[in-house]
């Protein structure tokens, strides 16, 4: 099976290494130091003191690879438009595109999902529909990642904890291709699960990180300190109630309370969110896929979002001042 990882960072590298060990022919589209490292040393994953190395065919131009059976997109949301502009050589009629990304994706309202909003284009994450035109929804299988990985160096991934990959068709169907992909991911060593409504899994993960991520970026605080401050925790909870109401209206209800979700986050210990890591590394931040899109969905669904708006305004202003948005 020909597999291409588009975005061989921490998560993309972790997924790619597992698929290579399962016998897939692993290709990677990369650039700069990552491309040089992959071509020189291959791709490695560290688990404690154990290092696993796999061979990869790393290129800078997708046209050098041709049609793939599976393309895993594992870039940060701000990089997705550039990927969409170059991905065409990788896509054949039966190519699966697995989106292993944070936040609400461009295909979120596809597959008959979203009630009165079904089929609508989300301007916050896909202005003008350019991503949807380049990567039509029929190619897509969604993926929600439940794992923590980081990069020790280009091409060198450190796996910290978690091994879960929830996948699903935007339509919610248990299609043969989705079942085959679930089996392949299990063979590759992941805890894979086929979801009957992947949008619900996307929304539930977003419900936890749409607040803590930007607040950590604003304050520089780790998750434990954020949740230990009762005023900040109250602010977060109010935003989560706004998002829960939006979810109720578009078909992804959440039965839990914000405090229930805070308890889940606390179990992960003190850690820096991905957005805080991006700010510290002076990389563009994923505000649109995590927060702007929630505001847009609220406007479309008729849900007022004053607290979400406040968070977005503050985080966006900071990111603009730093040149990261």
Protein backbone atom coordinates (compact mmCIF):
# COMPACT_ATOMS: atom_id res chain seq x y z
CA UNK A 1 0.00 0.00 0.00
CA UNK A 2 1.40 3.41 -0.97
CA UNK A 3 1.06 5.89 1.88
CA UNK A 4 2.08 9.54 1.88
CA UNK A 5 2.47 11.62 5.00
CA UNK A 6 1.95 15.30 4.25
CA UNK A 7 3.37 17.03 7.30
CA UNK A 8 5.98 14.83 8.99
CA UNK A 9 5.95 16.64 12.29
CA UNK A 10 5.24 14.99 15.62
CA UNK A 11 1.84 13.42 14.86
CA UNK A 12 2.46 12.80 11.17
CA UNK A 13 5.80 11.17 11.90
CA UNK A 14 4.28 8.99 14.62
CA UNK A 15 1.49 7.77 12.34
CA UNK A 16 3.85 7.28 9.41
CA UNK A 17 6.32 5.19 11.40
CA UNK A 18 3.54 2.87 12.53
CA UNK A 19 2.24 2.43 8.99
CA UNK A 20 5.74 1.71 7.70
CA UNK A 21 6.18 -0.98 10.35
CA UNK A 22 2.88 -2.49 9.17
CA UNK A 23 4.39 -2.96 5.73
CA UNK A 24 3.22 0.16 3.91
CA UNK A 25 5.48 1.87 1.42
CA UNK A 26 6.04 5.18 3.18
CA UNK A 27 6.43 8.43 1.26
CA UNK A 28 6.70 11.86 2.83
CA UNK A 29 6.30 15.36 1.46
CA UNK A 30 8.56 17.65 3.45
CA UNK A 31 10.84 20.63 3.11
CA UNK A 32 13.85 22.30 4.69
CA UNK A 33 15.55 20.65 7.64
CA UNK A 34 12.88 17.95 7.88
CA UNK A 35 13.42 16.90 4.28
CA UNK A 36 17.19 16.82 4.75
CA UNK A 37 16.91 14.75 7.95
CA UNK A 38 14.46 12.24 6.46
CA UNK A 39 16.55 11.73 3.34
CA UNK A 40 19.71 11.31 5.41
CA UNK A 41 18.55 9.38 8.47
CA UNK A 42 14.99 8.13 7.83
CA UNK A 43 12.19 8.61 10.37
CA UNK A 44 12.60 7.68 14.04
CA UNK A 45 10.21 7.43 16.98
CA UNK A 46 11.40 7.43 20.60
CA UNK A 47 9.39 5.69 23.32
CA UNK A 48 11.33 6.04 26.54
CA UNK A 49 14.81 4.74 25.73
CA UNK A 50 13.60 2.65 22.79
CA UNK A 51 14.18 4.06 19.31
CA UNK A 52 12.39 2.74 16.21
CA UNK A 53 13.71 3.79 12.82
CA UNK A 54 11.93 3.32 9.49
CA UNK A 55 13.01 4.08 5.94
CA UNK A 56 11.08 6.73 4.02
CA UNK A 57 11.04 8.16 0.55
CA UNK A 58 11.07 11.90 1.27
CA UNK A 59 10.51 14.49 -1.46
CA UNK A 60 9.66 18.18 -1.66
CA UNK A 61 7.38 17.93 -4.71
CA UNK A 62 4.26 15.72 -4.57
CA UNK A 63 4.51 15.28 -8.34
CA UNK A 64 7.57 13.10 -7.74
CA UNK A 65 5.37 10.54 -5.93
CA UNK A 66 2.26 10.20 -8.07
CA UNK A 67 -1.04 8.68 -7.00
CA UNK A 68 -1.21 7.27 -3.46
CA UNK A 69 -3.59 4.83 -1.78
CA UNK A 70 -3.63 6.85 1.45
CA UNK A 71 -2.58 10.44 2.15
CA UNK A 72 -2.33 11.46 5.80
CA UNK A 73 -2.54 15.24 6.25
CA UNK A 74 -0.97 16.12 9.57
CA UNK A 75 -0.11 19.79 9.21
CA UNK A 76 -1.20 22.69 11.36
CA UNK A 77 -4.34 24.38 10.03
CA UNK A 78 -2.57 27.56 8.79
CA UNK A 79 -0.50 25.37 6.44
CA UNK A 80 -3.47 23.56 4.91
CA UNK A 81 -4.20 25.98 2.04
CA UNK A 82 -0.65 25.49 0.74
CA UNK A 83 -1.05 21.71 1.00
CA UNK A 84 -4.35 21.83 -0.87
CA UNK A 85 -2.73 23.81 -3.68
CA UNK A 86 -0.10 21.09 -4.21
CA UNK A 87 -1.88 17.83 -3.37
CA UNK A 88 -3.44 17.02 -6.76
CA UNK A 89 -0.65 14.68 -8.01
CA UNK A 90 -1.24 12.41 -4.99
CA UNK A 91 -4.98 11.94 -5.54
CA UNK A 92 -6.48 9.23 -7.70
CA UNK A 93 -10.15 8.27 -7.86
CA UNK A 94 -9.85 5.92 -4.85
CA UNK A 95 -7.28 7.77 -2.75
CA UNK A 96 -8.22 8.18 0.91
CA UNK A 97 -7.26 11.45 2.59
CA UNK A 98 -7.02 11.03 6.37
CA UNK A 99 -7.10 14.37 8.16
CA UNK A 100 -5.16 14.09 11.43
CA UNK A 101 -5.47 17.73 12.47
CA UNK A 102 -6.69 19.83 15.37
CA UNK A 103 -9.90 21.79 15.31
CA UNK A 104 -12.92 21.87 13.04
CA UNK A 105 -12.03 20.76 9.49
CA UNK A 106 -13.30 22.13 6.19
CA UNK A 107 -15.46 19.01 5.62
CA UNK A 108 -17.24 19.28 8.99
CA UNK A 109 -20.69 20.03 7.53
CA UNK A 110 -20.42 17.47 4.72
CA UNK A 111 -21.98 14.01 4.53
CA UNK A 112 -25.47 15.22 5.39
CA UNK A 113 -24.36 16.41 8.85
CA UNK A 114 -25.30 19.69 10.50
CA UNK A 115 -29.06 19.93 10.27
CA UNK A 116 -30.01 23.15 8.50
CA UNK A 117 -26.31 23.93 8.04
CA UNK A 118 -25.56 20.67 6.19
CA UNK A 119 -23.31 21.24 3.20
CA UNK A 120 -22.44 24.81 4.20
CA UNK A 121 -18.94 26.11 3.60
CA UNK A 122 -17.07 27.30 6.69
CA UNK A 123 -15.32 30.54 5.79
CA UNK A 124 -13.23 30.53 8.97
CA UNK A 125 -11.37 27.40 7.92
CA UNK A 126 -11.86 27.37 4.13
CA UNK A 127 -12.25 30.88 2.72
CA UNK A 128 -13.76 30.72 -0.74
CA UNK A 129 -13.97 26.92 -0.65
CA UNK A 130 -10.49 26.45 -2.12
CA UNK A 131 -9.59 23.52 0.14
CA UNK A 132 -12.86 21.75 -0.60
CA UNK A 133 -12.27 22.20 -4.33
CA UNK A 134 -8.77 20.72 -4.07
CA UNK A 135 -9.68 17.89 -1.66
CA UNK A 136 -13.32 16.93 -2.30
CA UNK A 137 -15.17 15.38 0.62
CA UNK A 138 -15.50 11.99 -1.13
CA UNK A 139 -11.76 11.45 -0.54
CA UNK A 140 -11.92 12.31 3.16
CA UNK A 141 -11.96 10.13 6.22
CA UNK A 142 -11.77 12.18 9.39
CA UNK A 143 -9.40 11.40 12.24
CA UNK A 144 -9.25 12.52 15.85
CA UNK A 145 -5.88 11.91 17.50
CA UNK A 146 -5.64 11.06 21.19
CA UNK A 147 -1.88 11.01 21.71
CA UNK A 148 0.89 13.33 22.82
CA UNK A 149 4.01 13.53 20.67
CA UNK A 150 6.75 16.09 20.17
CA UNK A 151 9.81 16.56 17.99
CA UNK A 152 13.24 16.20 19.54
CA UNK A 153 14.71 17.13 16.16
CA UNK A 154 13.59 17.06 12.51
CA UNK A 155 12.64 13.47 11.70
CA UNK A 156 12.95 12.43 15.37
CA UNK A 157 9.56 12.04 17.11
CA UNK A 158 9.13 11.48 20.83
CA UNK A 159 5.93 9.67 21.82
CA UNK A 160 4.81 10.65 25.32
CA UNK A 161 1.44 9.02 25.92
CA UNK A 162 -1.78 7.96 24.23
CA UNK A 163 -2.21 5.72 21.24
CA UNK A 164 -5.73 6.44 20.04
CA UNK A 165 -6.95 7.22 16.53
CA UNK A 166 -10.69 7.65 16.03
CA UNK A 167 -11.63 7.63 12.35
CA UNK A 168 -14.88 8.03 10.45
CA UNK A 169 -16.55 8.94 7.20
CA UNK A 170 -18.16 12.42 7.16
CA UNK A 171 -21.41 10.62 6.28
CA UNK A 172 -21.17 8.37 9.34
CA UNK A 173 -21.31 5.22 7.21
CA UNK A 174 -19.22 2.17 8.10
CA UNK A 175 -17.94 1.87 4.54
CA UNK A 176 -15.67 -0.98 3.45
CA UNK A 177 -12.79 1.45 2.93
CA UNK A 178 -13.19 2.85 6.44
CA UNK A 179 -13.26 -0.67 7.89
CA UNK A 180 -10.11 -1.59 5.94
CA UNK A 181 -8.38 1.54 7.21
CA UNK A 182 -9.38 0.75 10.79
CA UNK A 183 -7.87 -2.73 10.40
CA UNK A 184 -4.66 -1.30 8.91
CA UNK A 185 -4.25 1.17 11.76
CA UNK A 186 -4.77 -1.60 14.30
CA UNK A 187 -2.15 -3.68 12.49
CA UNK A 188 0.16 -0.67 12.73
CA UNK A 189 -0.16 -0.73 16.52
CA UNK A 190 -2.67 2.06 17.06
CA UNK A 191 -5.82 1.86 19.18
CA UNK A 192 -8.10 2.56 16.23
CA UNK A 193 -11.86 2.96 16.41
CA UNK A 194 -14.38 3.56 13.66
CA UNK A 195 -16.85 6.22 14.77
CA UNK A 196 -20.48 6.36 13.64
CA UNK A 197 -20.32 10.17 13.88
CA UNK A 198 -16.77 11.51 13.57
CA UNK A 199 -18.00 15.11 13.84
CA UNK A 200 -19.06 14.39 17.42
CA UNK A 201 -15.56 13.19 18.26
CA UNK A 202 -14.07 16.27 16.59
CA UNK A 203 -16.40 18.55 18.55
CA UNK A 204 -15.76 16.85 21.88
CA UNK A 205 -12.00 17.21 21.52
CA UNK A 206 -12.46 20.82 20.43
CA UNK A 207 -14.65 21.43 23.47
CA UNK A 208 -11.62 20.85 25.66
CA UNK A 209 -8.89 22.59 23.70
CA UNK A 210 -10.61 25.59 22.11
CA UNK A 211 -10.22 27.43 25.44
CA UNK A 212 -7.13 26.07 27.14
CA UNK A 213 -4.99 26.41 24.01
CA UNK A 214 -5.46 30.16 23.42
CA UNK A 215 -5.44 30.95 27.14
CA UNK A 216 -2.12 29.15 27.50
CA UNK A 217 -0.79 31.12 24.53
CA UNK A 218 -1.94 34.39 26.13
CA UNK A 219 -0.56 33.64 29.59
CA UNK A 220 2.33 31.23 29.07
CA UNK A 221 0.79 28.99 31.72
CA UNK A 222 0.59 25.20 31.71
CA UNK A 223 -2.81 23.50 31.88
CA UNK A 224 -2.68 22.81 35.61
CA UNK A 225 -2.13 26.47 36.45
CA UNK A 226 -4.91 27.54 34.11
CA UNK A 227 -7.46 25.21 35.69
CA UNK A 228 -6.29 25.98 39.23
CA UNK A 229 -7.30 29.65 38.86
CA UNK A 230 -10.98 29.78 39.70
CA UNK A 231 -11.67 32.94 37.70
CA UNK A 232 -9.96 31.63 34.58
CA UNK A 233 -11.67 28.26 35.01
CA UNK A 234 -15.02 30.03 35.28
CA UNK A 235 -14.31 31.98 32.08
CA UNK A 236 -13.42 28.73 30.31
CA UNK A 237 -16.58 27.03 31.56
CA UNK A 238 -18.79 29.83 30.24
CA UNK A 239 -17.20 29.55 26.78
CA UNK A 240 -17.72 25.80 26.86
CA UNK A 241 -21.42 26.30 27.61
CA UNK A 242 -21.68 28.49 24.51
CA UNK A 243 -19.99 25.79 22.42
CA UNK A 244 -22.18 23.09 23.95
CA UNK A 245 -25.30 24.98 22.87
CA UNK A 246 -23.93 25.26 19.33
CA UNK A 247 -23.22 21.53 19.32
CA UNK A 248 -26.78 20.80 20.45
CA UNK A 249 -28.17 22.77 17.52
CA UNK A 250 -25.99 21.18 14.82
CA UNK A 251 -26.31 17.58 15.97
CA UNK A 252 -23.34 16.95 18.27
CA UNK A 253 -24.79 17.24 21.78
CA UNK A 254 -22.49 16.88 24.78
CA UNK A 255 -24.02 15.47 27.95
CA UNK A 256 -21.09 16.38 30.21
CA UNK A 257 -20.62 19.56 32.20
CA UNK A 258 -17.53 21.76 31.80
CA UNK A 259 -16.31 20.50 35.18
CA UNK A 260 -16.47 16.93 33.87
CA UNK A 261 -14.21 17.93 30.98
CA UNK A 262 -11.85 19.83 33.27
CA UNK A 263 -11.38 16.62 35.25
CA UNK A 264 -10.30 14.83 32.08
CA UNK A 265 -7.75 17.57 31.33
CA UNK A 266 -6.41 17.50 34.88
CA UNK A 267 -5.63 13.78 34.55
CA UNK A 268 -3.15 14.61 31.79
CA UNK A 269 -1.02 16.54 34.27
CA UNK A 270 0.84 19.81 33.76
CA UNK A 271 1.70 20.34 30.12
CA UNK A 272 2.18 23.06 27.54
CA UNK A 273 -0.55 23.12 24.93
CA UNK A 274 0.31 22.92 21.25
CA UNK A 275 -0.64 26.57 20.80
CA UNK A 276 1.69 27.70 23.56
CA UNK A 277 4.46 25.65 21.96
CA UNK A 278 3.71 27.34 18.63
CA UNK A 279 3.91 30.81 20.20
CA UNK A 280 7.21 30.00 21.89
CA UNK A 281 8.58 28.67 18.59
CA UNK A 282 7.20 31.69 16.65
CA UNK A 283 4.99 29.50 14.46
CA UNK A 284 1.54 30.55 13.14
CA UNK A 285 -1.26 29.69 15.55
CA UNK A 286 -4.40 27.64 14.82
CA UNK A 287 -6.91 30.19 16.07
CA UNK A 288 -9.29 29.91 13.15
CA UNK A 289 -9.74 26.12 13.35
CA UNK A 290 -10.14 26.22 17.14
CA UNK A 291 -11.99 29.45 17.93
CA UNK A 292 -12.98 31.54 14.87
CA UNK A 293 -14.94 28.61 13.44
CA UNK A 294 -16.90 28.23 16.68
CA UNK A 295 -17.92 31.88 16.45
CA UNK A 296 -18.98 31.36 12.83
CA UNK A 297 -21.01 28.27 13.69
CA UNK A 298 -22.65 30.20 16.52
CA UNK A 299 -23.67 32.99 14.18
CA UNK A 300 -25.09 30.51 11.66
CA UNK A 301 -26.92 28.51 14.33
CA UNK A 302 -28.32 31.54 16.13
CA UNK A 303 -26.29 31.12 19.34
CA UNK A 304 -24.81 34.21 20.99
CA UNK A 305 -21.11 33.78 21.81
CA UNK A 306 -19.92 36.85 23.75
CA UNK A 307 -17.35 34.98 25.82
CA UNK A 308 -16.01 33.07 22.81
CA UNK A 309 -15.77 36.41 21.00
CA UNK A 310 -13.79 37.92 23.87
CA UNK A 311 -11.32 35.04 23.90
CA UNK A 312 -10.92 35.18 20.13
CA UNK A 313 -10.39 38.92 20.13
CA UNK A 314 -7.68 38.80 22.80
CA UNK A 315 -5.88 35.78 21.34
CA UNK A 316 -6.07 37.14 17.81
CA UNK A 317 -4.71 40.54 18.87
CA UNK A 318 -1.78 38.91 20.64
CA UNK A 319 -1.04 36.67 17.67
CA UNK A 320 -1.15 39.60 15.25
CA UNK A 321 1.21 41.59 17.44
CA UNK A 322 3.64 38.66 17.37
CA UNK A 323 3.26 38.19 13.62
CA UNK A 324 1.74 34.72 14.08
CA UNK A 325 -1.73 35.32 12.57
